[in-house]
Amino acid sequence: QLQLVESGGGWVQPGGSLRLSCTASGFILDQYAIGWFRQVPGKEREAVSCITLNGRTKYSDSVRGRFVTSRDNAKNTIYLQMNNLEPEDTATYYCAGRHISYCPDEFSHWGQGIQVTVSS
């Protein structure tokens, strides 16, 4: 059984930081491209970032310069470091994976999502 689990979410004040983790079971993440997505009720799911098995990264315009995604293959974990958070970053965040060497348009495995709330 293949599974992705997000952790590290919660509440933070504007300007604060959080680090999300995405940990895999049942497969080895170092063979997968991993994307981070977020969704607000009533809005379309938004791609946030992606990291390839070689460590190449992509970011959406809204988070570039504030968020950093990385991977720790020994821990089978992908991270999303979120800095200088804004209320507009409030959303449910998902990690997703696909066994492919580049960042794809579609992913085959999804986590359950975790809430990030940025407010005063």
C-alpha atoms as a PDB file:
ATOM      1  CA  GLN A   1       0.000   0.000   0.000  1.00  0.00           C
ATOM      2  CA  LEU A   2       1.411   3.385  -1.045  1.00  0.00           C
ATOM      3  CA  GLN A   3       0.840   6.329   1.241  1.00  0.00           C
ATOM      4  CA  LEU A   4       1.909   9.964   1.652  1.00  0.00           C
ATOM      5  CA  VAL A   5       1.347  11.760   4.947  1.00  0.00           C
ATOM      6  CA  GLU A   6       1.740  15.490   5.568  1.00  0.00           C
ATOM      7  CA  SER A   7       2.663  16.946   8.935  1.00  0.00           C
ATOM      8  CA  GLY A   8       3.806  20.237  10.443  1.00  0.00           C
ATOM      9  CA  GLY A   9       0.815  22.426   9.718  1.00  0.00           C
ATOM     10  CA  GLY A  10      -0.996  24.679  12.129  1.00  0.00           C
ATOM     11  CA  TRP A  11      -1.547  28.329  12.923  1.00  0.00           C
ATOM     12  CA  VAL A  12       1.017  31.094  12.608  1.00  0.00           C
ATOM     13  CA  GLN A  13       0.955  34.886  12.641  1.00  0.00           C
ATOM     14  CA  PRO A  14       1.696  36.858   9.483  1.00  0.00           C
ATOM     15  CA  GLY A  15       5.429  36.999   8.898  1.00  0.00           C
ATOM     16  CA  GLY A  16       5.997  33.706  10.663  1.00  0.00           C
ATOM     17  CA  SER A  17       7.286  30.393   9.358  1.00  0.00           C
ATOM     18  CA  LEU A  18       6.200  26.768   9.223  1.00  0.00           C
ATOM     19  CA  ARG A  19       7.822  23.660   7.818  1.00  0.00           C
ATOM     20  CA  LEU A  20       5.626  20.986   6.284  1.00  0.00           C
ATOM     21  CA  SER A  21       6.833  17.417   5.920  1.00  0.00           C
ATOM     22  CA  CYS A  22       5.664  14.777   3.472  1.00  0.00           C
ATOM     23  CA  THR A  23       6.667  11.249   4.407  1.00  0.00           C
ATOM     24  CA  ALA A  24       6.144   8.188   2.230  1.00  0.00           C
ATOM     25  CA  SER A  25       5.453   4.591   3.114  1.00  0.00           C
ATOM     26  CA  GLY A  26       5.308   1.688   0.707  1.00  0.00           C
ATOM     27  CA  PHE A  27       7.619   3.291  -1.836  1.00  0.00           C
ATOM     28  CA  ILE A  28      10.935   5.136  -2.022  1.00  0.00           C
ATOM     29  CA  LEU A  29      10.551   8.870  -2.503  1.00  0.00           C
ATOM     30  CA  ASP A  30      13.965   9.338  -4.076  1.00  0.00           C
ATOM     31  CA  GLN A  31      12.522   7.793  -7.250  1.00  0.00           C
ATOM     32  CA  TYR A  32       9.628  10.276  -7.397  1.00  0.00           C
ATOM     33  CA  ALA A  33       8.930  13.848  -8.280  1.00  0.00           C
ATOM     34  CA  ILE A  34       7.027  15.431  -5.390  1.00  0.00           C
ATOM     35  CA  GLY A  35       4.731  18.412  -5.695  1.00  0.00           C
ATOM     36  CA  TRP A  36       3.087  20.605  -3.096  1.00  0.00           C
ATOM     37  CA  PHE A  37      -0.403  21.950  -3.725  1.00  0.00           C
ATOM     38  CA  ARG A  38      -2.854  24.054  -1.772  1.00  0.00           C
ATOM     39  CA  GLN A  39      -6.572  24.619  -1.928  1.00  0.00           C
ATOM     40  CA  VAL A  40      -8.963  27.131  -0.408  1.00  0.00           C
ATOM     41  CA  PRO A  41     -12.692  26.345  -0.245  1.00  0.00           C
ATOM     42  CA  GLY A  42     -14.387  27.590  -3.383  1.00  0.00           C
ATOM     43  CA  LYS A  43     -11.153  27.934  -5.348  1.00  0.00           C
ATOM     44  CA  GLU A  44      -9.273  25.663  -7.711  1.00  0.00           C
ATOM     45  CA  ARG A  45      -6.346  23.689  -6.343  1.00  0.00           C
ATOM     46  CA  GLU A  46      -3.090  25.580  -6.868  1.00  0.00           C
ATOM     47  CA  ALA A  47       0.333  24.121  -7.574  1.00  0.00           C
ATOM     48  CA  VAL A  48       2.852  25.531  -5.091  1.00  0.00           C
ATOM     49  CA  SER A  49       6.136  23.786  -5.840  1.00  0.00           C
ATOM     50  CA  CYS A  50       7.757  20.677  -7.210  1.00  0.00           C
ATOM     51  CA  ILE A  51      11.047  18.894  -6.626  1.00  0.00           C
ATOM     52  CA  THR A  52      12.530  16.219  -8.877  1.00  0.00           C
ATOM     53  CA  LEU A  53      14.559  13.183  -7.913  1.00  0.00           C
ATOM     54  CA  ASN A  54      17.658  15.193  -8.870  1.00  0.00           C
ATOM     55  CA  GLY A  55      16.706  18.130  -6.655  1.00  0.00           C
ATOM     56  CA  ARG A  56      15.506  20.522  -9.351  1.00  0.00           C
ATOM     57  CA  THR A  57      12.759  22.765  -8.028  1.00  0.00           C
ATOM     58  CA  LYS A  58       9.911  24.866  -9.370  1.00  0.00           C
ATOM     59  CA  TYR A  59       7.743  27.393  -7.554  1.00  0.00           C
ATOM     60  CA  SER A  60       4.592  29.304  -8.240  1.00  0.00           C
ATOM     61  CA  ASP A  61       4.962  33.054  -8.611  1.00  0.00           C
ATOM     62  CA  SER A  62       3.045  33.625  -5.387  1.00  0.00           C
ATOM     63  CA  VAL A  63       5.528  31.709  -3.196  1.00  0.00           C
ATOM     64  CA  ARG A  64       8.837  32.077  -5.013  1.00  0.00           C
ATOM     65  CA  GLY A  65      11.415  33.621  -2.700  1.00  0.00           C
ATOM     66  CA  ARG A  66       9.427  32.729   0.425  1.00  0.00           C
ATOM     67  CA  PHE A  67       8.984  28.939   0.212  1.00  0.00           C
ATOM     68  CA  VAL A  68      11.692  26.310  -0.251  1.00  0.00           C
ATOM     69  CA  THR A  69      11.118  22.634  -0.978  1.00  0.00           C
ATOM     70  CA  SER A  70      13.799  20.054  -0.278  1.00  0.00           C
ATOM     71  CA  ARG A  71      14.192  16.330   0.205  1.00  0.00           C
ATOM     72  CA  ASP A  72      15.891  14.055   2.715  1.00  0.00           C
ATOM     73  CA  ASN A  73      16.166  10.697   1.002  1.00  0.00           C
ATOM     74  CA  ALA A  74      17.473   8.964   4.125  1.00  0.00           C
ATOM     75  CA  LYS A  75      14.242   9.876   5.922  1.00  0.00           C
ATOM     76  CA  ASN A  76      12.050   9.280   2.852  1.00  0.00           C
ATOM     77  CA  THR A  77      10.706  12.775   3.429  1.00  0.00           C
ATOM     78  CA  ILE A  78      10.064  15.940   1.416  1.00  0.00           C
ATOM     79  CA  TYR A  79       9.904  19.337   3.116  1.00  0.00           C
ATOM     80  CA  LEU A  80       8.226  22.619   2.351  1.00  0.00           C
ATOM     81  CA  GLN A  81       9.779  25.442   4.355  1.00  0.00           C
ATOM     82  CA  MET A  82       7.344  28.357   4.363  1.00  0.00           C
ATOM     83  CA  ASN A  83       8.725  31.739   5.387  1.00  0.00           C
ATOM     84  CA  ASN A  84       7.218  35.208   5.652  1.00  0.00           C
ATOM     85  CA  LEU A  85       3.759  33.709   5.624  1.00  0.00           C
ATOM     86  CA  GLU A  86       0.817  35.851   4.600  1.00  0.00           C
ATOM     87  CA  PRO A  87      -2.912  35.459   5.281  1.00  0.00           C
ATOM     88  CA  GLU A  88      -3.295  34.607   1.596  1.00  0.00           C
ATOM     89  CA  ASP A  89      -1.221  31.469   2.227  1.00  0.00           C
ATOM     90  CA  THR A  90      -4.007  30.044   4.388  1.00  0.00           C
ATOM     91  CA  ALA A  91      -5.131  26.795   2.756  1.00  0.00           C
ATOM     92  CA  THR A  92      -5.138  23.043   2.968  1.00  0.00           C
ATOM     93  CA  TYR A  93      -1.755  21.846   1.724  1.00  0.00           C
ATOM     94  CA  TYR A  94      -1.220  18.544  -0.065  1.00  0.00           C
ATOM     95  CA  CYS A  95       1.852  16.674  -1.194  1.00  0.00           C
ATOM     96  CA  ALA A  96       1.676  14.489  -4.276  1.00  0.00           C
ATOM     97  CA  GLY A  97       4.072  12.139  -6.018  1.00  0.00           C
ATOM     98  CA  ARG A  98       4.705  10.502  -9.346  1.00  0.00           C
ATOM     99  CA  HIS A  99       7.397   8.037 -10.393  1.00  0.00           C
ATOM    100  CA  ILE A 100       8.933  10.252 -13.048  1.00  0.00           C
ATOM    101  CA  SER A 101      12.181  12.151 -13.550  1.00  0.00           C
ATOM    102  CA  TYR A 102      10.660  15.585 -14.130  1.00  0.00           C
ATOM    103  CA  CYS A 103       7.908  17.677 -12.570  1.00  0.00           C
ATOM    104  CA  PRO A 104       4.695  16.449 -14.200  1.00  0.00           C
ATOM    105  CA  ASP A 105       1.315  17.997 -14.832  1.00  0.00           C
ATOM    106  CA  GLU A 106      -0.450  15.101 -13.091  1.00  0.00           C
ATOM    107  CA  PHE A 107       0.427  13.094  -9.985  1.00  0.00           C
ATOM    108  CA  SER A 108      -0.486   9.528  -9.080  1.00  0.00           C
ATOM    109  CA  HIS A 109      -0.207   9.579  -5.270  1.00  0.00           C
ATOM    110  CA  TRP A 110      -1.703  12.147  -2.904  1.00  0.00           C
ATOM    111  CA  GLY A 111      -1.564  12.846   0.787  1.00  0.00           C
ATOM    112  CA  GLN A 112      -4.628  13.601   2.878  1.00  0.00           C
ATOM    113  CA  GLY A 113      -3.862  17.304   3.258  1.00  0.00           C
ATOM    114  CA  ILE A 114      -2.963  19.464   6.240  1.00  0.00           C
ATOM    115  CA  GLN A 115      -4.274  22.856   7.295  1.00  0.00           C
ATOM    116  CA  VAL A 116      -2.135  25.985   7.389  1.00  0.00           C
ATOM    117  CA  THR A 117      -3.737  29.093   8.854  1.00  0.00           C
ATOM    118  CA  VAL A 118      -2.035  32.492   8.829  1.00  0.00           C
ATOM    119  CA  SER A 119      -3.812  35.176  10.825  1.00  0.00           C
ATOM    120  CA  SER A 120      -3.390  37.731  13.573  1.00  0.00           C
END
